[in-house]
C-alpha atoms as a PDB file:
ATOM      1  CA  UNK A   1      81.949 -79.656 103.673  1.00  0.00           C
ATOM      2  CA  UNK A   2      80.390 -76.015 103.536  1.00  0.00           C
ATOM      3  CA  UNK A   3      82.038 -73.422 101.659  1.00  0.00           C
ATOM      4  CA  UNK A   4      82.129 -69.980 102.971  1.00  0.00           C
ATOM      5  CA  UNK A   5      83.615 -66.906 101.044  1.00  0.00           C
ATOM      6  CA  UNK A   6      84.426 -63.558 101.986  1.00  0.00           C
ATOM      7  CA  UNK A   7      83.771 -60.945  99.212  1.00  0.00           C
ATOM      8  CA  UNK A   8      85.195 -57.418  99.782  1.00  0.00           C
ATOM      9  CA  UNK A   9      84.214 -54.564  97.174  1.00  0.00           C
ATOM     10  CA  UNK A  10      86.449 -51.808  96.149  1.00  0.00           C
ATOM     11  CA  UNK A  11      85.540 -48.167  97.376  1.00  0.00           C
ATOM     12  CA  UNK A  12      85.575 -47.069  93.821  1.00  0.00           C
ATOM     13  CA  UNK A  13      82.647 -49.555  93.027  1.00  0.00           C
ATOM     14  CA  UNK A  14      79.300 -47.740  92.843  1.00  0.00           C
ATOM     15  CA  UNK A  15      76.515 -48.825  95.228  1.00  0.00           C
ATOM     16  CA  UNK A  16      74.425 -49.799  92.348  1.00  0.00           C
ATOM     17  CA  UNK A  17      77.109 -52.011  90.974  1.00  0.00           C
ATOM     18  CA  UNK A  18      77.847 -53.747  94.416  1.00  0.00           C
ATOM     19  CA  UNK A  19      73.954 -54.373  94.719  1.00  0.00           C
ATOM     20  CA  UNK A  20      73.952 -55.964  91.153  1.00  0.00           C
ATOM     21  CA  UNK A  21      76.975 -58.063  92.161  1.00  0.00           C
ATOM     22  CA  UNK A  22      75.630 -59.068  95.316  1.00  0.00           C
ATOM     23  CA  UNK A  23      72.328 -60.267  93.508  1.00  0.00           C
ATOM     24  CA  UNK A  24      74.619 -62.416  91.403  1.00  0.00           C
ATOM     25  CA  UNK A  25      76.272 -63.898  94.515  1.00  0.00           C
ATOM     26  CA  UNK A  26      72.894 -64.794  95.874  1.00  0.00           C
ATOM     27  CA  UNK A  27      72.423 -67.231  93.126  1.00  0.00           C
ATOM     28  CA  UNK A  28      74.704 -69.658  94.708  1.00  0.00           C
ATOM     29  CA  UNK A  29      73.805 -69.267  98.399  1.00  0.00           C
ATOM     30  CA  UNK A  30      73.087 -67.037 101.168  1.00  0.00           C
ATOM     31  CA  UNK A  31      74.667 -63.557 101.450  1.00  0.00           C
ATOM     32  CA  UNK A  32      75.161 -61.562 104.671  1.00  0.00           C
ATOM     33  CA  UNK A  33      76.824 -58.049 104.833  1.00  0.00           C
ATOM     34  CA  UNK A  34      79.596 -57.911 107.291  1.00  0.00           C
ATOM     35  CA  UNK A  35      78.554 -55.558 110.078  1.00  0.00           C
ATOM     36  CA  UNK A  36      82.172 -54.401 110.683  1.00  0.00           C
ATOM     37  CA  UNK A  37      82.650 -53.364 106.969  1.00  0.00           C
ATOM     38  CA  UNK A  38      79.538 -52.365 104.861  1.00  0.00           C
ATOM     39  CA  UNK A  39      81.327 -53.186 101.573  1.00  0.00           C
ATOM     40  CA  UNK A  40      82.270 -56.810 102.689  1.00  0.00           C
ATOM     41  CA  UNK A  41      79.874 -59.633 102.253  1.00  0.00           C
ATOM     42  CA  UNK A  42      80.032 -63.292 103.443  1.00  0.00           C
ATOM     43  CA  UNK A  43      78.569 -65.901 101.213  1.00  0.00           C
ATOM     44  CA  UNK A  44      77.566 -69.271 102.459  1.00  0.00           C
ATOM     45  CA  UNK A  45      77.284 -71.570  99.415  1.00  0.00           C
ATOM     46  CA  UNK A  46      74.270 -73.670  99.527  1.00  0.00           C
ATOM     47  CA  UNK A  47      74.040 -74.494  95.860  1.00  0.00           C
ATOM     48  CA  UNK A  48      77.323 -76.280  95.181  1.00  0.00           C
ATOM     49  CA  UNK A  49      76.224 -76.988  91.445  1.00  0.00           C
ATOM     50  CA  UNK A  50      76.363 -73.084  91.048  1.00  0.00           C
ATOM     51  CA  UNK A  51      79.784 -72.678  92.796  1.00  0.00           C
ATOM     52  CA  UNK A  52      81.833 -73.383  89.582  1.00  0.00           C
ATOM     53  CA  UNK A  53      80.028 -70.435  87.678  1.00  0.00           C
ATOM     54  CA  UNK A  54      80.428 -68.235  90.602  1.00  0.00           C
ATOM     55  CA  UNK A  55      83.963 -68.718  91.104  1.00  0.00           C
ATOM     56  CA  UNK A  56      84.473 -67.916  87.576  1.00  0.00           C
ATOM     57  CA  UNK A  57      82.678 -64.609  88.022  1.00  0.00           C
ATOM     58  CA  UNK A  58      84.663 -63.775  90.970  1.00  0.00           C
ATOM     59  CA  UNK A  59      87.970 -64.391  89.163  1.00  0.00           C
ATOM     60  CA  UNK A  60      86.666 -62.171  86.266  1.00  0.00           C
ATOM     61  CA  UNK A  61      85.492 -59.358  88.815  1.00  0.00           C
ATOM     62  CA  UNK A  62      88.613 -59.536  90.735  1.00  0.00           C
ATOM     63  CA  UNK A  63      90.825 -59.212  87.458  1.00  0.00           C
ATOM     64  CA  UNK A  64      88.859 -55.888  86.738  1.00  0.00           C
ATOM     65  CA  UNK A  65      89.630 -54.692  90.049  1.00  0.00           C
ATOM     66  CA  UNK A  66      86.050 -54.587  91.441  1.00  0.00           C
ATOM     67  CA  UNK A  67      86.667 -56.829  94.378  1.00  0.00           C
ATOM     68  CA  UNK A  68      88.811 -59.214  96.048  1.00  0.00           C
ATOM     69  CA  UNK A  69      87.487 -62.486  97.632  1.00  0.00           C
ATOM     70  CA  UNK A  70      88.895 -65.542  99.529  1.00  0.00           C
ATOM     71  CA  UNK A  71      87.459 -68.763 100.740  1.00  0.00           C
ATOM     72  CA  UNK A  72      87.220 -68.955 104.372  1.00  0.00           C
ATOM     73  CA  UNK A  73      87.664 -71.989 106.561  1.00  0.00           C
ATOM     74  CA  UNK A  74      84.407 -73.792 107.542  1.00  0.00           C
ATOM     75  CA  UNK A  75      83.362 -72.166 111.031  1.00  0.00           C
ATOM     76  CA  UNK A  76      81.825 -75.596 112.013  1.00  0.00           C
END
């Protein structure tokens, strides 16, 4: 099963910080910006071994109020 995440950054997070965090997301898979919302990214997990670490980072960043995220159902 393929994992797909939707990550939405808060408007108070600077573009530089978003760029750094998106680079971190890219370590686990392919990152695509949502054309409907420039502060939202879709992450297709291609390196499942990195997913555990990524999930910890997302939970931490969410606790700090930087973003919110959810796992999407597989579109296939």
